[in-house]
Amino acid sequence: MGILSQLSIIHLLWAAMVFGQYEDYDFEDEYDEEPNRQHPYYFNPNTQAEVPRFPFPVQCTRECFCPPAFPLSMYCDHRKLKTIPNIPSHVQQLYLQNNDIEAVPAGPFTNVTFLREINLSHNKIKFHMIDHGVFAKLSNLVQLHLQHNELEEFPFPLPSSLERLLLGFNKISRLSGNALEGLPNITMLDLCNNFLDDSVLKGKPFSNMKNLMQLNLCNNKLQTMPPDLPSSLMYLSLENNSISSIPENYFNRLPKIIALRMSHNNLQNIPHNTFNLPNLLELNLGHNKLKQVFYIPRSLQHLYIEDNDIEIINVTLMCPSIDPMNTNQLTYIRVDQNKLTIPISTYAFFCFPHIRTIYYGEQNGNVNKSTQLRTPVFRRFLTPEEYDEVEDDHETHNHETEEVHEAEENYFHPYF
């Protein structure tokens, strides 16, 4: 009996231990989550995350940071660097913005073959301090940021693979004859805030860029429209120049234009059918010297003609005929800071059945006095949500300053 009693006790203890194991295991833990659900990655500088396997060793330059989640990217920005560090051969995205770099030598790029994006914006780079051909040999480079530097000349040669080139906020006043040749894949070129004038564009540098979709030339010294732009162009930014006229048939060869921005120029008279463009959605001619309106294409949705010398809005000029089967799409007009004394004729609502907002604001009655029409903003057919959105937009307009208009936000965002 003693032996059997001992065996019984051992059996009970073993059963309790086994039961305890299952009791501690929460089965619900396994089924609470969705199948194959992946947890988000949270970077913790105190832990070493597992780096995905690559067919080559992953390295990172000592001065920079290579996130485990993005092992093909190297971040060297905001580090007060004066020189470009050596770049591991596997890197595809290189971020060197906001440093004190003055030169781009060939050395650091010697073994680089996979680079697709380089950001060297907000540095102190001069044209003659870029080693000749340093970018041209990067056969996979798609995007190059060089804005906010001290370039006096267009950086060339460049690789034919390049698609987006940002050169805004430099001192570029020269374009060598062949500077833009051999760039068949360029879709976006930003040259805003430089020193380009008409003489620089006489050679028609953009004519062979058959895939160019966006061209930013705002804040330069142009007095005439840039010649021979490619027919592929969709977005054109020419704000803050000194352009006084648009040739009558200028846009005939640019049928794909979607957005045109020419505010802050010296435009006075615009030929009636200048903007007869089938795809135009946004037209900004604010802050010019226009005295009358012009034909509005049926596709146009937003029209900005504020701060001009317009005394009356002749709706018939804007809309010479009504086609119920092909109505005008205009929804917003901004006409403040003109010389209007009466609101726009109600005929406008027959021509533009989709119009929702006309922003009158203050009008310039004479040199020393401004007048205000009965209502600063006319709205109709707005849901409460749309009304709040429009109200927010106009509050923003009222608080904008000239400095804001001249800042980077004023021209097209590079990624459209």
Protein backbone atom coordinates (compact mmCIF):
# COMPACT_ATOMS: atom_id res chain seq x y z
CA MET A 1 0.00 0.00 0.00
CA GLY A 2 2.83 2.38 0.73
CA ILE A 3 4.29 1.97 -2.75
CA LEU A 4 0.88 2.41 -4.38
CA SER A 5 0.24 5.51 -2.31
CA GLN A 6 3.54 7.01 -3.41
CA LEU A 7 2.78 6.23 -7.06
CA SER A 8 -0.67 7.83 -6.71
CA ILE A 9 0.86 11.00 -5.29
CA ILE A 10 3.44 11.16 -8.13
CA HIS A 11 0.65 10.67 -10.69
CA LEU A 12 -1.41 13.50 -9.17
CA LEU A 13 1.60 15.86 -9.14
CA TRP A 14 2.36 15.07 -12.80
CA ALA A 15 -1.28 15.70 -13.79
CA ALA A 16 -1.31 19.02 -11.92
CA MET A 17 1.90 20.09 -13.65
CA VAL A 18 0.55 19.25 -17.11
CA PHE A 19 -2.76 20.97 -16.41
CA GLY A 20 -0.91 23.97 -15.09
CA GLN A 21 1.02 24.27 -18.36
CA TYR A 22 -2.20 24.44 -20.37
CA GLU A 23 -3.85 26.72 -17.84
CA ASP A 24 -1.02 29.28 -18.19
CA TYR A 25 -1.32 29.31 -22.01
CA ASP A 26 -3.93 31.75 -23.25
CA PHE A 27 -5.41 30.29 -26.41
CA GLU A 28 -7.09 33.58 -27.25
CA ASP A 29 -3.68 35.18 -27.79
CA GLU A 30 -3.26 33.12 -30.93
CA TYR A 31 -6.57 34.05 -32.53
CA ASP A 32 -7.09 37.67 -31.51
CA GLU A 33 -4.99 38.99 -34.39
CA GLU A 34 -5.76 38.81 -38.06
CA PRO A 35 -3.86 36.09 -39.92
CA ASN A 36 -0.53 37.17 -41.45
CA ARG A 37 -0.83 40.59 -39.80
CA GLN A 38 2.52 42.38 -39.70
CA HIS A 39 3.41 44.64 -36.83
CA PRO A 40 4.53 48.19 -37.71
CA TYR A 41 8.22 48.93 -37.41
CA TYR A 42 9.16 51.38 -34.67
CA PHE A 43 12.72 52.58 -34.67
CA ASN A 44 14.45 52.27 -31.33
CA PRO A 45 18.02 53.61 -31.35
CA ASN A 46 18.90 51.32 -28.42
CA THR A 47 18.07 48.12 -30.25
CA GLN A 48 19.61 46.52 -33.30
CA ALA A 49 16.90 45.54 -35.77
CA GLU A 50 17.46 42.68 -38.16
CA VAL A 51 18.67 43.93 -41.55
CA PRO A 52 17.16 42.22 -44.59
CA ARG A 53 19.56 40.00 -46.48
CA PHE A 54 21.16 41.38 -49.63
CA PRO A 55 23.50 39.80 -52.12
CA PHE A 56 26.14 42.31 -50.98
CA PRO A 57 27.32 43.42 -47.52
CA VAL A 58 25.37 46.39 -46.19
CA GLN A 59 27.62 49.17 -44.98
CA CYS A 60 27.12 52.71 -43.72
CA THR A 61 29.54 55.61 -43.63
CA ARG A 62 30.52 56.61 -40.11
CA GLU A 63 29.27 60.20 -40.49
CA CYS A 64 25.83 59.11 -41.68
CA PHE A 65 22.89 56.95 -40.71
CA CYS A 66 21.42 54.00 -42.60
CA PRO A 67 18.04 53.01 -41.12
CA PRO A 68 17.64 49.24 -40.73
CA ALA A 69 14.20 49.54 -42.30
CA PHE A 70 15.68 51.31 -45.38
CA PRO A 71 19.14 49.79 -45.88
CA LEU A 72 19.49 51.26 -49.38
CA SER A 73 19.20 54.85 -48.07
CA MET A 74 21.98 56.84 -46.41
CA TYR A 75 21.11 59.95 -44.41
CA CYS A 76 23.91 62.48 -44.01
CA ASP A 77 21.74 65.61 -43.74
CA HIS A 78 21.93 68.36 -41.09
CA ARG A 79 25.38 67.25 -39.89
CA LYS A 80 27.54 70.31 -40.67
CA LEU A 81 29.53 68.29 -43.19
CA LYS A 82 32.02 70.22 -45.32
CA THR A 83 32.85 67.34 -47.64
CA ILE A 84 30.96 64.41 -49.13
CA PRO A 85 31.83 61.15 -47.35
CA ASN A 86 32.58 57.94 -49.20
CA ILE A 87 29.41 56.25 -50.43
CA PRO A 88 28.96 52.47 -50.16
CA SER A 89 28.33 50.82 -53.51
CA HIS A 90 24.84 49.54 -52.64
CA VAL A 91 23.29 52.94 -51.73
CA GLN A 92 20.38 54.08 -53.90
CA GLN A 93 19.16 57.18 -52.03
CA LEU A 94 21.71 59.66 -50.74
CA TYR A 95 20.61 62.58 -48.54
CA LEU A 96 23.22 65.31 -47.99
CA GLN A 97 20.98 68.36 -47.69
CA ASN A 98 21.50 71.16 -45.14
CA ASN A 99 25.24 70.93 -44.73
CA ASP A 100 28.24 73.16 -45.56
CA ILE A 101 29.42 71.22 -48.61
CA GLU A 102 31.21 73.38 -51.19
CA ALA A 103 32.43 70.85 -53.74
CA VAL A 104 31.34 67.63 -55.46
CA PRO A 105 34.50 65.61 -56.20
CA ALA A 106 34.50 62.32 -58.10
CA GLY A 107 36.21 60.37 -55.32
CA PRO A 108 33.24 59.55 -53.05
CA PHE A 109 31.25 58.32 -56.07
CA THR A 110 33.96 56.01 -57.41
CA ASN A 111 32.27 52.68 -56.67
CA VAL A 112 28.64 53.83 -56.79
CA THR A 113 26.52 52.16 -59.46
CA PHE A 114 23.01 51.97 -58.00
CA LEU A 115 22.35 55.60 -57.01
CA ARG A 116 18.84 56.73 -58.02
CA GLU A 117 18.43 59.90 -55.94
CA ILE A 118 20.86 62.51 -54.63
CA ASN A 119 19.81 65.41 -52.43
CA LEU A 120 22.49 68.10 -52.14
CA SER A 121 20.12 71.02 -51.53
CA HIS A 122 20.88 73.77 -49.00
CA ASN A 123 24.66 73.63 -49.30
CA LYS A 124 27.32 76.00 -50.71
CA ILE A 125 28.18 74.28 -53.98
CA LYS A 126 29.56 76.33 -56.89
CA PHE A 127 29.57 75.20 -60.52
CA HIS A 128 33.35 75.13 -60.90
CA MET A 129 33.64 72.99 -57.76
CA ILE A 130 31.75 70.10 -59.35
CA ASP A 131 34.15 67.61 -60.95
CA HIS A 132 33.38 67.29 -64.65
CA GLY A 133 31.29 64.20 -65.36
CA VAL A 134 30.77 63.22 -61.72
CA PHE A 135 26.99 62.99 -62.21
CA ALA A 136 27.09 61.82 -65.83
CA LYS A 137 28.57 58.44 -64.93
CA LEU A 138 25.65 57.63 -62.57
CA SER A 139 23.65 55.71 -65.15
CA ASN A 140 20.74 54.93 -62.80
CA LEU A 141 20.27 58.44 -61.38
CA VAL A 142 16.64 59.55 -61.64
CA GLN A 143 16.38 62.54 -59.29
CA LEU A 144 18.93 65.24 -58.44
CA HIS A 145 18.34 68.03 -55.89
CA LEU A 146 20.70 71.00 -56.10
CA GLN A 147 18.38 73.82 -55.05
CA HIS A 148 19.57 76.44 -52.53
CA ASN A 149 23.23 76.39 -53.52
CA GLU A 150 25.57 78.89 -55.22
CA LEU A 151 25.59 77.54 -58.76
CA GLU A 152 26.32 80.21 -61.38
CA GLU A 153 25.85 77.88 -64.31
CA PHE A 154 23.72 74.89 -65.24
CA PRO A 155 25.52 71.75 -63.99
CA PHE A 156 26.44 69.51 -66.92
CA PRO A 157 26.99 66.90 -68.20
CA LEU A 158 24.20 64.90 -66.58
CA PRO A 159 23.14 61.26 -67.05
CA SER A 160 20.50 60.48 -69.68
CA SER A 161 18.55 58.52 -67.04
CA LEU A 162 17.66 61.71 -65.14
CA GLU A 163 13.93 62.43 -64.81
CA ARG A 164 13.66 65.20 -62.18
CA LEU A 165 16.15 68.02 -61.77
CA LEU A 166 15.75 70.74 -59.12
CA LEU A 167 17.97 73.81 -59.43
CA GLY A 168 15.88 76.51 -57.77
CA PHE A 169 17.37 79.22 -55.55
CA ASN A 170 20.80 79.40 -57.15
CA LYS A 171 22.63 82.09 -59.15
CA ILE A 172 22.36 80.48 -62.57
CA SER A 173 22.67 83.05 -65.34
CA ARG A 174 24.21 80.90 -68.07
CA LEU A 175 23.09 77.85 -70.02
CA SER A 176 25.78 76.43 -72.26
CA GLY A 177 24.59 75.48 -75.73
CA ASN A 178 24.65 71.74 -75.06
CA ALA A 179 23.82 71.86 -71.34
CA LEU A 180 20.35 70.34 -71.77
CA GLU A 181 21.22 67.94 -74.57
CA GLY A 182 21.21 64.23 -73.90
CA LEU A 183 18.40 64.42 -71.32
CA PRO A 184 15.53 62.63 -73.10
CA ASN A 185 13.86 61.42 -69.90
CA ILE A 186 13.54 64.71 -68.03
CA THR A 187 9.92 65.21 -66.92
CA MET A 188 10.40 67.98 -64.34
CA LEU A 189 12.87 70.87 -64.40
CA ASP A 190 12.89 73.52 -61.68
CA LEU A 191 14.89 76.69 -62.41
CA CYS A 192 12.95 79.11 -60.22
CA ASN A 193 14.76 81.89 -58.34
CA ASN A 194 17.81 82.24 -60.57
CA PHE A 195 19.18 84.98 -62.86
CA LEU A 196 17.96 83.74 -66.24
CA ASP A 197 17.07 86.37 -68.84
CA ASP A 198 15.86 86.30 -72.45
CA SER A 199 19.35 86.08 -73.92
CA VAL A 200 19.96 82.80 -72.10
CA LEU A 201 16.88 81.22 -73.70
CA LYS A 202 17.53 82.41 -77.26
CA GLY A 203 19.14 79.09 -78.06
CA LYS A 204 15.79 77.35 -77.34
CA PRO A 205 17.31 75.01 -74.74
CA PHE A 206 14.04 73.23 -73.90
CA SER A 207 12.91 72.38 -77.44
CA ASN A 208 14.41 68.87 -77.51
CA MET A 209 13.12 67.79 -74.10
CA LYS A 210 10.33 65.66 -75.57
CA ASN A 211 9.15 64.25 -72.22
CA LEU A 212 9.21 67.48 -70.20
CA MET A 213 5.94 67.83 -68.29
CA GLN A 214 6.73 70.52 -65.71
CA LEU A 215 8.90 73.61 -66.17
CA ASN A 216 9.42 76.13 -63.36
CA LEU A 217 10.96 79.46 -64.39
CA CYS A 218 9.48 81.70 -61.71
CA ASN A 219 11.49 84.51 -60.10
CA ASN A 220 13.93 85.10 -62.96
CA LYS A 221 14.54 88.07 -65.28
CA LEU A 222 12.48 87.08 -68.30
CA GLN A 223 10.78 89.79 -70.35
CA THR A 224 9.32 87.53 -73.03
CA MET A 225 7.78 84.08 -73.10
CA PRO A 226 10.35 81.26 -73.32
CA PRO A 227 10.63 80.10 -76.95
CA ASP A 228 9.92 76.66 -78.41
CA LEU A 229 8.69 74.79 -75.37
CA PRO A 230 8.01 71.07 -76.01
CA SER A 231 4.44 69.99 -76.74
CA SER A 232 4.60 67.52 -73.83
CA LEU A 233 4.45 70.36 -71.28
CA MET A 234 1.60 70.25 -68.75
CA TYR A 235 2.66 72.62 -65.93
CA LEU A 236 4.32 75.99 -66.60
CA SER A 237 5.38 78.40 -63.86
CA LEU A 238 6.48 81.91 -64.91
CA GLU A 239 5.55 84.00 -61.85
CA ASN A 240 7.62 86.97 -60.75
CA ASN A 241 9.26 87.88 -64.05
CA SER A 242 8.86 90.97 -66.24
CA ILE A 243 6.87 89.44 -69.11
CA SER A 244 4.72 92.10 -70.77
CA SER A 245 2.94 90.16 -73.51
CA ILE A 246 1.99 86.71 -74.82
CA PRO A 247 2.24 86.13 -78.59
CA GLU A 248 -1.16 85.43 -80.11
CA ASN A 249 -0.56 81.80 -81.10
CA TYR A 250 1.95 80.99 -78.41
CA PHE A 251 0.00 78.12 -76.84
CA ASN A 252 -1.05 76.47 -80.10
CA ARG A 253 1.78 74.01 -79.80
CA LEU A 254 1.16 73.38 -76.08
CA PRO A 255 -2.24 71.63 -76.05
CA LYS A 256 -1.52 69.59 -72.93
CA ILE A 257 -1.12 72.52 -70.56
CA ILE A 258 -3.08 71.89 -67.35
CA ALA A 259 -1.82 74.67 -65.11
CA LEU A 260 -0.33 78.03 -66.06
CA ARG A 261 0.96 80.50 -63.48
CA MET A 262 2.00 83.98 -64.61
CA SER A 263 1.23 86.16 -61.61
CA HIS A 264 3.48 89.11 -60.76
CA ASN A 265 4.43 90.06 -64.32
CA ASN A 266 3.72 93.11 -66.53
CA LEU A 267 0.94 91.69 -68.70
CA GLN A 268 -1.38 94.37 -70.09
CA ASN A 269 -3.23 93.06 -73.13
CA ILE A 270 -3.92 89.43 -73.86
CA PRO A 271 -5.17 88.33 -77.30
CA HIS A 272 -8.73 87.10 -77.01
CA ASN A 273 -8.18 83.39 -77.77
CA THR A 274 -4.76 83.05 -76.15
CA PHE A 275 -5.93 80.48 -73.63
CA ASN A 276 -8.05 78.34 -75.92
CA LEU A 277 -6.53 75.21 -74.42
CA PRO A 278 -8.55 71.98 -74.14
CA ASN A 279 -7.00 70.75 -70.88
CA LEU A 280 -6.37 73.95 -68.91
CA LEU A 281 -7.63 73.67 -65.31
CA GLU A 282 -5.81 76.46 -63.46
CA LEU A 283 -4.91 79.93 -64.75
CA ASN A 284 -3.19 82.45 -62.48
CA LEU A 285 -2.71 85.96 -63.90
CA GLY A 286 -2.93 87.87 -60.64
CA HIS A 287 -0.76 90.92 -59.94
CA ASN A 288 -0.41 92.12 -63.52
CA LYS A 289 -1.73 95.18 -65.40
CA LEU A 290 -4.68 93.65 -67.25
CA LYS A 291 -7.50 95.99 -68.19
CA GLN A 292 -10.01 93.46 -69.50
CA VAL A 293 -10.80 89.77 -69.42
CA PHE A 294 -10.38 87.22 -72.18
CA TYR A 295 -11.80 83.94 -73.48
CA ILE A 296 -12.10 81.20 -70.85
CA PRO A 297 -11.70 77.61 -72.10
CA ARG A 298 -14.48 75.24 -71.11
CA SER A 299 -12.08 73.05 -69.13
CA LEU A 300 -10.89 75.84 -66.79
CA GLN A 301 -11.86 75.43 -63.13
CA HIS A 302 -9.88 78.09 -61.23
CA LEU A 303 -9.17 81.63 -62.46
CA TYR A 304 -7.03 84.14 -60.55
CA ILE A 305 -7.01 87.71 -61.89
CA GLU A 306 -6.65 89.65 -58.64
CA ASP A 307 -4.64 92.88 -58.40
CA ASN A 308 -5.05 94.06 -61.99
CA ASP A 309 -6.64 97.17 -63.54
CA ILE A 310 -9.93 95.59 -64.60
CA GLU A 311 -12.92 97.96 -64.28
CA ILE A 312 -15.62 95.62 -65.56
CA ILE A 313 -15.90 91.88 -66.12
CA ASN A 314 -17.26 91.40 -69.63
CA VAL A 315 -18.79 87.94 -69.37
CA THR A 316 -19.44 87.79 -73.13
CA LEU A 317 -15.70 87.98 -73.78
CA MET A 318 -15.13 85.15 -71.35
CA CYS A 319 -18.02 83.06 -72.65
CA PRO A 320 -19.11 84.01 -76.18
CA SER A 321 -21.55 81.09 -76.48
CA ILE A 322 -23.42 78.58 -74.33
CA ASP A 323 -23.43 74.89 -75.14
CA PRO A 324 -25.71 72.84 -72.84
CA MET A 325 -23.96 69.67 -73.98
CA ASN A 326 -20.48 71.04 -73.20
CA THR A 327 -20.73 73.41 -70.25
CA ASN A 328 -17.93 75.51 -68.80
CA GLN A 329 -16.32 73.97 -65.72
CA LEU A 330 -15.30 77.21 -63.98
CA THR A 331 -15.95 76.97 -60.22
CA TYR A 332 -13.79 79.72 -58.67
CA ILE A 333 -12.83 83.29 -59.65
CA ARG A 334 -10.68 85.65 -57.62
CA VAL A 335 -11.08 89.31 -58.68
CA ASP A 336 -10.11 91.34 -55.60
CA GLN A 337 -7.80 94.39 -55.84
CA ASN A 338 -9.11 95.44 -59.25
CA LYS A 339 -11.21 98.53 -60.10
CA LEU A 340 -14.63 96.92 -60.13
CA THR A 341 -17.57 99.06 -59.02
CA ILE A 342 -20.36 96.54 -59.68
CA PRO A 343 -20.56 92.75 -59.26
CA ILE A 344 -20.19 90.40 -62.20
CA SER A 345 -23.30 90.16 -64.36
CA THR A 346 -25.74 87.37 -63.48
CA TYR A 347 -25.30 86.17 -67.07
CA ALA A 348 -22.13 84.56 -65.73
CA PHE A 349 -24.23 81.92 -63.99
CA PHE A 350 -25.66 80.80 -67.32
CA CYS A 351 -22.24 80.64 -68.92
CA PHE A 352 -20.60 79.06 -65.88
CA PRO A 353 -23.25 76.83 -64.28
CA HIS A 354 -20.70 75.20 -61.96
CA ILE A 355 -19.41 78.42 -60.43
CA ARG A 356 -19.46 78.36 -56.65
CA THR A 357 -17.29 81.21 -55.47
CA ILE A 358 -16.49 84.70 -56.69
CA TYR A 359 -14.05 86.45 -54.37
CA TYR A 360 -14.44 90.21 -54.69
CA GLY A 361 -12.50 91.36 -51.62
CA GLU A 362 -11.46 95.02 -51.69
CA GLN A 363 -11.33 96.97 -54.95
CA ASN A 364 -8.89 99.74 -55.82
CA GLY A 365 -11.13 102.76 -56.44
CA ASN A 366 -8.28 105.29 -56.63
CA VAL A 367 -4.74 105.73 -55.45
CA ASN A 368 -5.57 106.64 -51.87
CA LYS A 369 -8.82 104.77 -51.31
CA SER A 370 -10.07 101.24 -51.70
CA THR A 371 -13.69 100.30 -52.07
CA GLN A 372 -15.56 97.16 -51.21
CA LEU A 373 -18.46 95.67 -53.11
CA ARG A 374 -21.61 94.70 -51.28
CA THR A 375 -20.28 91.23 -50.54
CA PRO A 376 -16.60 90.24 -50.52
CA VAL A 377 -17.40 86.65 -51.41
CA PHE A 378 -20.30 85.26 -53.40
CA ARG A 379 -21.08 81.60 -52.78
CA ARG A 380 -23.80 79.27 -53.94
CA PHE A 381 -24.60 75.56 -53.96
CA LEU A 382 -22.22 74.81 -51.11
CA THR A 383 -22.69 72.05 -48.57
CA PRO A 384 -21.80 73.01 -44.97
CA GLU A 385 -18.51 71.15 -45.33
CA GLU A 386 -17.64 72.93 -48.58
CA TYR A 387 -18.62 76.28 -47.06
CA ASP A 388 -16.20 75.75 -44.14
CA GLU A 389 -13.45 74.74 -46.55
CA VAL A 390 -13.92 77.86 -48.69
CA GLU A 391 -14.02 80.04 -45.58
CA ASP A 392 -10.71 78.59 -44.44
CA ASP A 393 -9.23 79.23 -47.89
CA HIS A 394 -10.20 82.90 -47.82
CA GLU A 395 -8.94 83.40 -44.30
CA THR A 396 -5.64 82.05 -45.55
CA HIS A 397 -5.75 84.47 -48.51
CA ASN A 398 -6.36 87.40 -46.19
CA HIS A 399 -3.36 86.58 -44.05
CA GLU A 400 -0.92 85.85 -46.85
CA THR A 401 1.86 88.38 -47.29
CA GLU A 402 3.89 89.32 -50.34
CA GLU A 403 6.81 87.40 -48.86
CA VAL A 404 4.74 84.24 -48.81
CA HIS A 405 3.78 84.76 -52.46
CA GLU A 406 7.45 84.99 -53.34
CA ALA A 407 8.46 81.97 -51.31
CA GLU A 408 8.87 78.41 -52.44
CA GLU A 409 5.25 77.52 -51.74
CA ASN A 410 4.17 79.84 -54.53
CA TYR A 411 5.37 77.69 -57.38
CA PHE A 412 4.44 74.18 -58.38
CA HIS A 413 5.37 71.41 -56.05
CA PRO A 414 8.00 69.23 -57.72
CA TYR A 415 5.94 66.08 -57.25
CA PHE A 416 2.70 66.50 -59.14
